[in-house]
């Protein structure tokens, strides 16, 4: 696994973390092979929720996986946050503890993800990459995103069949099979979004 973030790669605190006026302006790139790759301009992966206020990413973020033989990889790339996950797999526990809240946050960097691996989940989001159903619900959470802006281009290239791909200007995927909340208020998206199946 490879946890990659402009400020924090992996935040393992059991409490909801709060970040105010935090910015990344540096370019970040990851090339290689790993089973799970949570990648964010500020935070790659966070445990049990996070609250972001007036935070931003200005750096270009690039992830490229070049291994065409490895299966069951998960890739998250978010302008600010890759993924939030829990040790619990119970829907009620996740709903109570797993929330990504972002208010007046922005991304202006170009986000690029290139995948050449069979049987993967690839999630790309301008502010937050988001959720997938894997490992008994561990990678699901609530999302409350208010007054968030993405002006950066999103570029996704998927070169193998059998993959699940999600790309969104603000949130890549809000997937849930439990009673979770997805609230997006007053979003602004001006960046181009390009998905290519090569």
Protein backbone atom coordinates (compact mmCIF):
# COMPACT_ATOMS: atom_id res chain seq x y z
CA UNK A 1 0.00 0.00 0.00
CA UNK A 2 1.09 3.59 -0.59
CA UNK A 3 -0.51 6.50 1.31
CA UNK A 4 0.34 9.79 -0.38
CA UNK A 5 -0.62 13.34 0.60
CA UNK A 6 0.74 16.86 0.26
CA UNK A 7 0.39 17.41 4.03
CA UNK A 8 -0.37 13.96 5.50
CA UNK A 9 -0.10 10.59 3.80
CA UNK A 10 -1.99 8.62 6.45
CA UNK A 11 -3.84 10.15 9.42
CA UNK A 12 -4.55 7.38 11.91
CA UNK A 13 -6.13 9.40 14.72
CA UNK A 14 -9.40 7.91 15.96
CA UNK A 15 -11.03 11.33 16.34
CA UNK A 16 -12.43 13.58 13.62
CA UNK A 17 -9.53 15.80 12.55
CA UNK A 18 -9.92 19.53 11.86
CA UNK A 19 -7.86 21.49 9.32
CA UNK A 20 -8.25 25.25 8.77
CA UNK A 21 -6.56 27.30 6.02
CA UNK A 22 -4.21 24.50 5.01
CA UNK A 23 -2.77 24.67 1.49
CA UNK A 24 -0.60 22.53 -0.76
CA UNK A 25 1.00 24.19 -3.78
CA UNK A 26 3.60 21.57 -4.67
CA UNK A 27 3.31 19.02 -7.48
CA UNK A 28 3.12 15.39 -6.32
CA UNK A 29 3.51 12.28 -8.43
CA UNK A 30 3.42 8.56 -7.72
CA UNK A 31 4.45 5.95 -10.27
CA UNK A 32 4.58 2.27 -9.51
CA UNK A 33 2.61 -0.61 -8.05
CA UNK A 34 0.74 -0.91 -4.77
CA UNK A 35 -2.36 -2.77 -3.59
CA UNK A 36 -4.14 0.33 -2.26
CA UNK A 37 -3.18 3.88 -3.17
CA UNK A 38 -5.06 6.67 -1.35
CA UNK A 39 -3.71 9.93 -2.78
CA UNK A 40 -4.80 13.48 -1.94
CA UNK A 41 -3.49 17.02 -2.31
CA UNK A 42 -3.68 17.40 1.48
CA UNK A 43 -4.47 13.95 2.91
CA UNK A 44 -4.09 10.56 1.31
CA UNK A 45 -6.15 8.52 3.79
CA UNK A 46 -7.84 9.52 7.03
CA UNK A 47 -9.33 7.35 9.75
CA UNK A 48 -12.77 8.14 11.24
CA UNK A 49 -13.53 11.44 9.56
CA UNK A 50 -12.04 14.84 8.83
CA UNK A 51 -13.24 18.49 8.75
CA UNK A 52 -11.66 20.92 6.27
CA UNK A 53 -12.35 24.68 6.27
CA UNK A 54 -10.85 27.15 3.78
CA UNK A 55 -8.36 24.55 2.57
CA UNK A 56 -6.91 24.28 -0.92
CA UNK A 57 -4.69 22.39 -3.31
CA UNK A 58 -2.87 24.20 -6.11
CA UNK A 59 -0.37 21.50 -7.04
CA UNK A 60 -0.68 19.07 -9.93
CA UNK A 61 -1.25 15.50 -8.72
CA UNK A 62 -0.33 12.52 -10.89
CA UNK A 63 -0.68 8.81 -10.25
CA UNK A 64 0.35 6.16 -12.78
CA UNK A 65 0.11 2.43 -12.23
CA UNK A 66 2.16 0.47 -14.76
CA UNK A 67 1.63 -3.12 -13.65
CA UNK A 68 -0.71 -4.92 -16.04
CA UNK A 69 -0.83 -8.19 -14.10
CA UNK A 70 -1.73 -7.31 -10.52
CA UNK A 71 -5.40 -7.65 -9.55
CA UNK A 72 -7.77 -6.08 -7.02
CA UNK A 73 -6.02 -2.73 -6.65
CA UNK A 74 -7.85 0.34 -5.34
CA UNK A 75 -6.80 3.84 -6.45
CA UNK A 76 -8.16 7.05 -4.95
CA UNK A 77 -7.05 10.48 -6.15
CA UNK A 78 -8.72 13.57 -4.65
CA UNK A 79 -7.81 17.24 -4.90
CA UNK A 80 -7.88 17.45 -1.10
CA UNK A 81 -8.64 13.97 0.30
CA UNK A 82 -8.29 10.49 -1.15
CA UNK A 83 -10.40 8.30 1.15
CA UNK A 84 -11.77 8.05 4.69
CA UNK A 85 -12.07 4.58 6.15
CA UNK A 86 -13.05 2.76 9.31
CA UNK A 87 -12.02 -0.30 11.28
CA UNK A 88 -15.73 -1.13 11.57
CA UNK A 89 -17.80 -2.77 8.86
CA UNK A 90 -21.14 -2.06 10.57
CA UNK A 91 -23.33 0.46 8.77
CA UNK A 92 -24.49 2.21 11.97
CA UNK A 93 -20.93 2.59 13.24
CA UNK A 94 -19.74 4.00 9.93
CA UNK A 95 -22.66 6.46 9.73
CA UNK A 96 -21.88 7.73 13.24
CA UNK A 97 -18.12 8.20 12.83
CA UNK A 98 -17.24 8.46 9.16
CA UNK A 99 -17.78 11.98 7.81
CA UNK A 100 -15.72 14.09 5.45
CA UNK A 101 -16.80 17.73 5.82
CA UNK A 102 -15.33 20.38 3.51
CA UNK A 103 -16.43 24.04 3.59
CA UNK A 104 -15.14 26.74 1.23
CA UNK A 105 -12.40 24.48 -0.08
CA UNK A 106 -10.86 24.41 -3.54
CA UNK A 107 -8.65 22.59 -5.98
CA UNK A 108 -6.93 24.28 -8.92
CA UNK A 109 -4.33 21.63 -9.71
CA UNK A 110 -4.59 19.19 -12.59
CA UNK A 111 -5.38 15.69 -11.32
CA UNK A 112 -4.23 12.80 -13.52
CA UNK A 113 -4.63 9.09 -12.96
CA UNK A 114 -3.48 6.39 -15.39
CA UNK A 115 -4.33 2.76 -14.78
CA UNK A 116 -3.12 -0.33 -16.64
CA UNK A 117 -4.20 -2.98 -14.13
CA UNK A 118 -7.01 -5.50 -14.54
CA UNK A 119 -9.86 -5.68 -12.02
CA UNK A 120 -9.43 -2.42 -10.14
CA UNK A 121 -11.42 0.41 -8.60
CA UNK A 122 -10.25 3.84 -9.76
CA UNK A 123 -11.86 6.90 -8.12
CA UNK A 124 -11.00 10.48 -9.09
CA UNK A 125 -12.62 13.57 -7.51
CA UNK A 126 -11.85 17.28 -7.68
CA UNK A 127 -12.21 17.72 -3.91
CA UNK A 128 -12.63 14.18 -2.52
CA UNK A 129 -12.13 10.90 -4.35
CA UNK A 130 -14.71 9.00 -2.29
CA UNK A 131 -16.21 5.61 -1.52
CA UNK A 132 -16.08 2.09 -2.86
CA UNK A 133 -17.62 -1.12 -1.63
CA UNK A 134 -14.67 -3.28 -0.66
CA UNK A 135 -13.58 -5.19 2.44
CA UNK A 136 -16.99 -5.10 4.11
CA UNK A 137 -17.85 -1.39 3.82
CA UNK A 138 -14.57 -0.08 5.28
CA UNK A 139 -14.16 2.51 2.53
CA UNK A 140 -17.51 4.29 2.89
CA UNK A 141 -18.37 7.54 4.65
CA UNK A 142 -20.73 10.52 4.83
CA UNK A 143 -19.89 13.57 2.71
CA UNK A 144 -20.91 17.15 3.51
CA UNK A 145 -19.31 19.42 0.91
CA UNK A 146 -20.34 23.10 0.92
CA UNK A 147 -19.15 26.02 -1.24
CA UNK A 148 -16.38 23.93 -2.78
CA UNK A 149 -14.72 24.80 -6.08
CA UNK A 150 -12.76 22.76 -8.57
CA UNK A 151 -11.06 24.67 -11.40
CA UNK A 152 -8.45 22.01 -12.10
CA UNK A 153 -8.67 19.59 -15.00
CA UNK A 154 -9.38 15.93 -14.20
CA UNK A 155 -7.79 13.37 -16.52
CA UNK A 156 -8.37 9.63 -16.18
CA UNK A 157 -7.05 6.94 -18.51
CA UNK A 158 -8.00 3.28 -18.03
CA UNK A 159 -6.26 0.77 -20.28
CA UNK A 160 -7.58 -2.56 -19.02
CA UNK A 161 -11.00 -4.22 -18.97
CA UNK A 162 -12.69 -5.41 -15.80
CA UNK A 163 -12.23 -2.17 -13.88
CA UNK A 164 -14.65 0.12 -12.03
CA UNK A 165 -14.04 3.81 -12.67
CA UNK A 166 -15.63 6.88 -11.05
CA UNK A 167 -14.80 10.49 -11.93
CA UNK A 168 -16.50 13.60 -10.52
CA UNK A 169 -15.76 17.32 -10.51
CA UNK A 170 -16.31 17.56 -6.73
CA UNK A 171 -16.81 13.98 -5.46
CA UNK A 172 -15.64 10.95 -7.39
CA UNK A 173 -17.97 8.42 -5.74
CA UNK A 174 -20.49 8.62 -2.92
CA UNK A 175 -21.36 4.94 -3.16
CA UNK A 176 -23.05 3.39 -0.15
CA UNK A 177 -25.05 0.30 0.67
CA UNK A 178 -25.73 1.65 4.17
CA UNK A 179 -27.61 4.70 5.49
CA UNK A 180 -24.97 7.29 4.72
CA UNK A 181 -25.37 10.93 3.72
CA UNK A 182 -24.07 12.72 0.64
CA UNK A 183 -24.74 16.49 0.72
CA UNK A 184 -23.15 18.84 -1.83
CA UNK A 185 -24.21 22.50 -1.64
CA UNK A 186 -23.29 25.32 -4.03
CA UNK A 187 -20.49 23.51 -5.88
CA UNK A 188 -18.56 25.25 -8.67
CA UNK A 189 -16.74 23.20 -11.30
CA UNK A 190 -14.92 24.91 -14.17
CA UNK A 191 -12.13 22.45 -14.92
CA UNK A 192 -12.34 20.04 -17.84
CA UNK A 193 -13.05 16.38 -17.13
CA UNK A 194 -11.59 13.78 -19.50
CA UNK A 195 -11.97 10.02 -19.23
CA UNK A 196 -10.35 7.77 -21.81
CA UNK A 197 -10.68 4.02 -22.15
CA UNK A 198 -7.58 3.20 -24.16
